[in-house]
Protein backbone atom coordinates (compact mmCIF):
# COMPACT_ATOMS: atom_id res chain seq x y z
CA UNK A 1 14.67 -12.51 11.03
CA UNK A 2 10.94 -12.83 10.47
CA UNK A 3 8.65 -12.16 7.54
CA UNK A 4 6.20 -9.41 8.54
CA UNK A 5 3.35 -7.73 6.70
CA UNK A 6 2.78 -4.02 6.30
CA UNK A 7 -0.78 -3.06 5.34
CA UNK A 8 -1.86 0.12 3.67
CA UNK A 9 -4.62 1.67 1.60
CA UNK A 10 -5.59 4.83 -0.22
CA UNK A 11 -8.29 6.00 -2.62
CA UNK A 12 -8.40 7.90 -5.90
CA UNK A 13 -11.09 10.28 -7.23
CA UNK A 14 -11.29 8.73 -10.69
CA UNK A 15 -10.07 5.70 -12.61
CA UNK A 16 -7.20 7.40 -14.43
CA UNK A 17 -3.73 5.89 -14.81
CA UNK A 18 -1.91 8.97 -13.53
CA UNK A 19 -4.12 9.12 -10.42
CA UNK A 20 -3.54 5.44 -9.63
CA UNK A 21 0.22 5.82 -10.07
CA UNK A 22 0.42 9.00 -7.98
CA UNK A 23 -1.73 7.59 -5.17
CA UNK A 24 0.23 4.34 -5.08
CA UNK A 25 3.55 6.18 -4.93
CA UNK A 26 2.20 8.38 -2.14
CA UNK A 27 1.09 5.29 -0.21
CA UNK A 28 4.37 3.43 -0.64
CA UNK A 29 6.35 6.54 0.32
CA UNK A 30 4.22 6.97 3.44
CA UNK A 31 4.83 3.33 4.36
CA UNK A 32 8.58 3.85 3.96
CA UNK A 33 8.48 7.00 6.11
CA UNK A 34 6.42 5.25 8.79
CA UNK A 35 8.86 2.32 8.85
CA UNK A 36 12.27 3.99 8.72
CA UNK A 37 14.27 0.75 8.68
CA UNK A 38 12.35 -0.56 5.64
CA UNK A 39 14.75 -1.15 2.77
CA UNK A 40 13.60 -2.25 -0.67
CA UNK A 41 16.23 -5.00 -0.54
CA UNK A 42 14.43 -6.50 2.49
CA UNK A 43 11.02 -6.67 0.78
CA UNK A 44 10.18 -10.30 -0.04
CA UNK A 45 7.14 -9.48 -2.17
CA UNK A 46 4.19 -7.14 -2.42
CA UNK A 47 0.53 -7.64 -3.28
CA UNK A 48 -1.71 -4.84 -4.51
CA UNK A 49 -5.48 -5.01 -4.80
CA UNK A 50 -7.91 -2.51 -6.26
CA UNK A 51 -11.65 -2.32 -6.13
CA UNK A 52 -13.50 -3.38 -9.29
CA UNK A 53 -14.12 0.26 -10.28
CA UNK A 54 -10.37 0.75 -10.90
CA UNK A 55 -8.86 -0.89 -13.96
CA UNK A 56 -6.93 1.71 -15.97
CA UNK A 57 -3.44 0.95 -14.55
CA UNK A 58 -1.50 -1.57 -12.48
CA UNK A 59 -0.46 -0.12 -9.10
CA UNK A 60 2.67 -2.28 -9.28
CA UNK A 61 3.88 0.01 -12.07
CA UNK A 62 4.24 2.78 -9.48
CA UNK A 63 6.43 0.56 -7.31
CA UNK A 64 8.63 -0.21 -10.32
CA UNK A 65 8.90 3.51 -11.07
CA UNK A 66 10.06 4.01 -7.47
CA UNK A 67 12.91 1.53 -7.94
CA UNK A 68 11.29 -1.63 -6.58
CA UNK A 69 12.77 -3.51 -9.57
CA UNK A 70 13.86 -6.68 -7.76
CA UNK A 71 10.69 -7.07 -5.71
CA UNK A 72 8.13 -9.65 -6.86
CA UNK A 73 4.87 -7.70 -7.29
CA UNK A 74 1.33 -8.90 -7.91
CA UNK A 75 -1.92 -7.08 -8.62
CA UNK A 76 -5.41 -8.45 -8.03
CA UNK A 77 -8.99 -7.28 -7.83
CA UNK A 78 -10.44 -6.80 -4.36
CA UNK A 79 -13.54 -8.91 -3.77
CA UNK A 80 -16.62 -6.77 -4.53
CA UNK A 81 -18.29 -6.67 -1.11
CA UNK A 82 -21.49 -4.60 -1.02
CA UNK A 83 -21.03 -1.09 0.41
CA UNK A 84 -17.24 -1.37 0.50
CA UNK A 85 -15.04 1.69 0.04
CA UNK A 86 -14.96 2.57 -3.70
CA UNK A 87 -11.88 3.43 -5.77
CA UNK A 88 -9.60 1.90 -3.17
CA UNK A 89 -6.02 0.70 -3.65
CA UNK A 90 -4.68 -1.65 -0.97
CA UNK A 91 -1.22 -3.05 -0.45
CA UNK A 92 0.37 -5.83 1.60
CA UNK A 93 4.15 -5.56 1.74
CA UNK A 94 5.97 -8.72 2.91
CA UNK A 95 9.04 -7.49 4.78
CA UNK A 96 12.00 -9.45 6.14
CA UNK A 97 12.76 -7.68 9.42
CA UNK A 98 13.88 -8.18 13.00
CA UNK A 99 11.05 -5.95 14.23
CA UNK A 100 8.17 -7.44 16.16
CA UNK A 101 4.72 -7.37 14.58
CA UNK A 102 3.59 -4.71 17.05
CA UNK A 103 6.47 -2.46 15.90
CA UNK A 104 5.26 -2.36 12.29
CA UNK A 105 3.47 0.82 11.23
CA UNK A 106 0.57 0.31 8.83
CA UNK A 107 -0.61 3.31 6.81
CA UNK A 108 -4.12 4.25 5.64
CA UNK A 109 -4.31 7.54 3.76
CA UNK A 110 -7.18 9.94 3.10
CA UNK A 111 -10.62 8.38 2.84
CA UNK A 112 -9.09 4.93 3.34
CA UNK A 113 -8.48 5.85 6.98
CA UNK A 114 -12.07 4.78 7.70
CA UNK A 115 -10.94 1.19 7.07
CA UNK A 116 -8.47 1.24 9.97
CA UNK A 117 -8.61 4.58 11.84
CA UNK A 118 -5.91 3.41 14.26
CA UNK A 119 -3.43 3.33 11.36
CA UNK A 120 -3.91 6.79 9.84
CA UNK A 121 -0.79 8.61 8.67
CA UNK A 122 -1.38 11.33 11.29
CA UNK A 123 -0.27 8.88 13.95
CA UNK A 124 3.26 9.20 12.50
CA UNK A 125 3.38 12.99 12.54
CA UNK A 126 2.52 13.52 8.85
């Protein structure tokens, strides 16, 4: 079994706790749907980052609300690169799996799809 990473990102309209929680849940759900064998018990850890214009809520709270209770979670601020995508939430899920790296499905939702157009949710039939 190998430790693999699943990347994902989404954006919110405003810095409001309920929007951050909803968007994060949507992103994590999309990652689970895109990687059907992903089980919370196989997640080693998860790192969330948000752009500096988001600070009203921890995205990890959404994961906890989804039942990711035993998963070590960390939140950090994305480095503020000029002209980067604003109001962006990113995630890196560390997953213990027998899948090969090329078999992992990364998910970029909404406006975040410009970051990695090859990984948009539409590629998975959503």
